[in-house]
N, C-alpha and C. Protein backbone atom coordinates (compact mmCIF):
# COMPACT_ATOMS: atom_id res chain seq x y z
N MET A 1 -7.42 35.38 -7.16
CA MET A 1 -7.02 34.22 -6.38
C MET A 1 -6.71 34.67 -4.96
N GLY A 2 -7.47 34.17 -4.02
CA GLY A 2 -7.28 34.57 -2.64
C GLY A 2 -6.33 33.66 -1.91
N GLU A 3 -6.14 33.99 -0.65
CA GLU A 3 -5.25 33.20 0.21
C GLU A 3 -5.76 31.77 0.35
N GLU A 4 -7.08 31.60 0.36
CA GLU A 4 -7.66 30.26 0.47
C GLU A 4 -7.26 29.38 -0.71
N ASP A 5 -7.23 29.94 -1.91
CA ASP A 5 -6.87 29.16 -3.09
C ASP A 5 -5.44 28.62 -2.97
N GLY A 6 -4.53 29.44 -2.51
CA GLY A 6 -3.14 29.00 -2.34
C GLY A 6 -3.03 27.91 -1.30
N PHE A 7 -3.77 28.04 -0.22
CA PHE A 7 -3.76 27.01 0.82
C PHE A 7 -4.31 25.70 0.30
N ALA A 8 -5.40 25.78 -0.45
CA ALA A 8 -6.01 24.56 -1.00
C ALA A 8 -5.04 23.86 -1.94
N ARG A 9 -4.36 24.63 -2.78
CA ARG A 9 -3.40 24.03 -3.69
C ARG A 9 -2.24 23.40 -2.92
N GLY A 10 -1.72 24.09 -1.92
CA GLY A 10 -0.64 23.54 -1.10
C GLY A 10 -1.08 22.32 -0.33
N GLY A 11 -2.32 22.36 0.16
CA GLY A 11 -2.85 21.21 0.90
C GLY A 11 -2.99 19.99 0.02
N SER A 12 -3.40 20.20 -1.24
CA SER A 12 -3.56 19.05 -2.13
C SER A 12 -2.20 18.47 -2.50
N ILE A 13 -1.17 19.30 -2.54
CA ILE A 13 0.18 18.80 -2.81
C ILE A 13 0.65 17.94 -1.64
N VAL A 14 0.38 18.39 -0.43
CA VAL A 14 0.77 17.62 0.75
C VAL A 14 0.03 16.29 0.78
N ILE A 15 -1.26 16.32 0.48
CA ILE A 15 -2.04 15.08 0.48
C ILE A 15 -1.54 14.13 -0.61
N ALA A 16 -1.23 14.65 -1.78
CA ALA A 16 -0.72 13.81 -2.86
C ALA A 16 0.61 13.18 -2.46
N ASP A 17 1.45 13.93 -1.77
CA ASP A 17 2.74 13.40 -1.32
C ASP A 17 2.53 12.31 -0.27
N MET A 18 1.61 12.54 0.65
CA MET A 18 1.31 11.52 1.66
C MET A 18 0.76 10.26 1.01
N ASP A 19 -0.09 10.43 0.00
CA ASP A 19 -0.67 9.29 -0.71
C ASP A 19 0.44 8.49 -1.40
N LYS A 20 1.37 9.17 -2.05
CA LYS A 20 2.49 8.51 -2.73
C LYS A 20 3.33 7.73 -1.73
N GLN A 21 3.62 8.36 -0.58
CA GLN A 21 4.40 7.68 0.45
C GLN A 21 3.68 6.44 0.97
N ALA A 22 2.37 6.55 1.17
CA ALA A 22 1.59 5.41 1.66
C ALA A 22 1.58 4.28 0.63
N GLU A 23 1.43 4.63 -0.66
CA GLU A 23 1.45 3.61 -1.71
C GLU A 23 2.80 2.90 -1.77
N ASP A 24 3.88 3.67 -1.66
CA ASP A 24 5.22 3.08 -1.68
C ASP A 24 5.43 2.16 -0.48
N MET A 25 4.99 2.61 0.68
CA MET A 25 5.13 1.79 1.89
C MET A 25 4.33 0.50 1.75
N CYS A 26 3.12 0.60 1.23
CA CYS A 26 2.27 -0.57 1.05
C CYS A 26 2.90 -1.55 0.07
N ARG A 27 3.42 -1.05 -1.04
CA ARG A 27 4.06 -1.91 -2.03
C ARG A 27 5.25 -2.66 -1.42
N ARG A 28 6.08 -1.94 -0.65
CA ARG A 28 7.25 -2.59 -0.01
C ARG A 28 6.81 -3.65 0.99
N LEU A 29 5.79 -3.34 1.78
CA LEU A 29 5.29 -4.31 2.76
C LEU A 29 4.71 -5.55 2.07
N ILE A 30 3.97 -5.35 1.00
CA ILE A 30 3.41 -6.50 0.27
C ILE A 30 4.53 -7.39 -0.23
N GLU A 31 5.56 -6.79 -0.80
CA GLU A 31 6.70 -7.58 -1.31
C GLU A 31 7.35 -8.37 -0.19
N LYS A 32 7.59 -7.73 0.96
CA LYS A 32 8.23 -8.42 2.09
C LYS A 32 7.35 -9.54 2.64
N MET A 33 6.07 -9.24 2.81
CA MET A 33 5.15 -10.26 3.35
C MET A 33 5.02 -11.44 2.40
N ALA A 34 4.90 -11.15 1.12
CA ALA A 34 4.77 -12.22 0.13
C ALA A 34 6.02 -13.09 0.12
N GLU A 35 7.17 -12.46 0.21
CA GLU A 35 8.44 -13.21 0.23
C GLU A 35 8.51 -14.10 1.45
N ARG A 36 8.12 -13.58 2.61
CA ARG A 36 8.16 -14.37 3.84
C ARG A 36 7.19 -15.55 3.80
N GLN A 37 6.08 -15.39 3.09
CA GLN A 37 5.10 -16.46 2.99
C GLN A 37 5.38 -17.41 1.83
N GLY A 38 6.44 -17.14 1.09
CA GLY A 38 6.77 -17.99 -0.05
C GLY A 38 5.86 -17.79 -1.24
N VAL A 39 5.28 -16.61 -1.35
CA VAL A 39 4.38 -16.31 -2.46
C VAL A 39 5.25 -15.84 -3.63
N THR A 40 5.64 -16.79 -4.47
CA THR A 40 6.51 -16.52 -5.61
C THR A 40 5.81 -16.95 -6.89
N GLU A 41 6.51 -16.84 -7.99
CA GLU A 41 5.93 -17.23 -9.27
C GLU A 41 5.70 -18.74 -9.36
N ASN A 42 6.52 -19.54 -8.68
CA ASN A 42 6.35 -21.00 -8.71
C ASN A 42 4.97 -21.43 -8.22
N PRO A 43 4.58 -21.05 -6.98
CA PRO A 43 3.24 -21.43 -6.53
C PRO A 43 2.13 -20.81 -7.39
N LYS A 44 2.41 -19.65 -7.96
CA LYS A 44 1.40 -19.00 -8.81
C LYS A 44 1.06 -19.89 -9.99
N ALA A 45 2.06 -20.52 -10.58
CA ALA A 45 1.84 -21.38 -11.74
C ALA A 45 1.26 -22.73 -11.33
N GLU A 46 1.70 -23.25 -10.17
CA GLU A 46 1.28 -24.58 -9.76
C GLU A 46 -0.06 -24.60 -9.04
N GLN A 47 -0.30 -23.61 -8.19
CA GLN A 47 -1.54 -23.54 -7.41
C GLN A 47 -2.05 -22.10 -7.41
N PRO A 48 -2.63 -21.67 -8.52
CA PRO A 48 -2.99 -20.26 -8.66
C PRO A 48 -3.99 -19.75 -7.61
N MET A 49 -4.96 -20.57 -7.20
CA MET A 49 -5.94 -20.09 -6.22
C MET A 49 -5.31 -19.88 -4.85
N GLU A 50 -4.41 -20.76 -4.47
CA GLU A 50 -3.70 -20.58 -3.20
C GLU A 50 -2.83 -19.32 -3.27
N TRP A 51 -2.19 -19.12 -4.41
CA TRP A 51 -1.35 -17.94 -4.60
C TRP A 51 -2.18 -16.67 -4.47
N VAL A 52 -3.35 -16.65 -5.10
CA VAL A 52 -4.24 -15.48 -5.04
C VAL A 52 -4.65 -15.22 -3.59
N GLY A 53 -4.98 -16.27 -2.86
CA GLY A 53 -5.37 -16.11 -1.46
C GLY A 53 -4.25 -15.55 -0.61
N ARG A 54 -3.06 -16.08 -0.78
CA ARG A 54 -1.92 -15.59 0.01
C ARG A 54 -1.55 -14.16 -0.37
N MET A 55 -1.60 -13.86 -1.65
CA MET A 55 -1.27 -12.50 -2.09
C MET A 55 -2.33 -11.52 -1.57
N GLY A 56 -3.59 -11.93 -1.63
CA GLY A 56 -4.66 -11.09 -1.09
C GLY A 56 -4.48 -10.84 0.39
N ASN A 57 -4.05 -11.85 1.12
CA ASN A 57 -3.78 -11.71 2.55
C ASN A 57 -2.64 -10.72 2.77
N SER A 58 -1.58 -10.83 1.99
CA SER A 58 -0.45 -9.91 2.11
C SER A 58 -0.90 -8.48 1.84
N GLN A 59 -1.73 -8.29 0.82
CA GLN A 59 -2.20 -6.95 0.47
C GLN A 59 -3.09 -6.38 1.58
N ALA A 60 -3.96 -7.20 2.13
CA ALA A 60 -4.85 -6.73 3.20
C ALA A 60 -4.06 -6.35 4.45
N CYS A 61 -3.11 -7.18 4.82
CA CYS A 61 -2.30 -6.89 6.01
C CYS A 61 -1.45 -5.65 5.81
N ALA A 62 -0.86 -5.51 4.64
CA ALA A 62 -0.03 -4.33 4.35
C ALA A 62 -0.90 -3.07 4.35
N GLY A 63 -2.06 -3.14 3.75
CA GLY A 63 -2.96 -1.99 3.72
C GLY A 63 -3.38 -1.58 5.13
N ALA A 64 -3.69 -2.55 5.97
CA ALA A 64 -4.07 -2.26 7.35
C ALA A 64 -2.92 -1.62 8.11
N ALA A 65 -1.70 -2.12 7.90
CA ALA A 65 -0.52 -1.56 8.59
C ALA A 65 -0.27 -0.13 8.14
N VAL A 66 -0.37 0.13 6.85
CA VAL A 66 -0.14 1.48 6.33
C VAL A 66 -1.21 2.43 6.85
N ASN A 67 -2.45 2.01 6.81
CA ASN A 67 -3.53 2.85 7.34
C ASN A 67 -3.32 3.17 8.81
N SER A 68 -2.93 2.17 9.56
CA SER A 68 -2.70 2.36 10.98
C SER A 68 -1.57 3.34 11.25
N GLU A 69 -0.52 3.25 10.46
CA GLU A 69 0.65 4.11 10.64
C GLU A 69 0.45 5.52 10.12
N SER A 70 -0.17 5.66 8.97
CA SER A 70 -0.19 6.98 8.33
C SER A 70 -1.53 7.70 8.43
N ILE A 71 -2.63 6.98 8.49
CA ILE A 71 -3.93 7.65 8.51
C ILE A 71 -4.46 7.78 9.92
N TYR A 72 -4.44 6.71 10.67
CA TYR A 72 -5.06 6.71 11.98
C TYR A 72 -4.13 7.17 13.09
N ALA A 73 -2.86 7.38 12.76
CA ALA A 73 -1.89 7.77 13.80
C ALA A 73 -2.07 9.20 14.23
């Protein structure tokens, strides 16, 4: 096992940690955005297609924000 192997293993740990942080950030943003837009269980039961659209919008916006902050920064 050479020095390169150790670096690769350490690098994959760093990437996995960054991925976990990005997923957590995205999940929190989705929850906040959905709450602000009133995307709750009530509209989900009453108007499921509207709920899906709003939730999809929250997910897309959160994903774009996380990518902008953590990947493209």
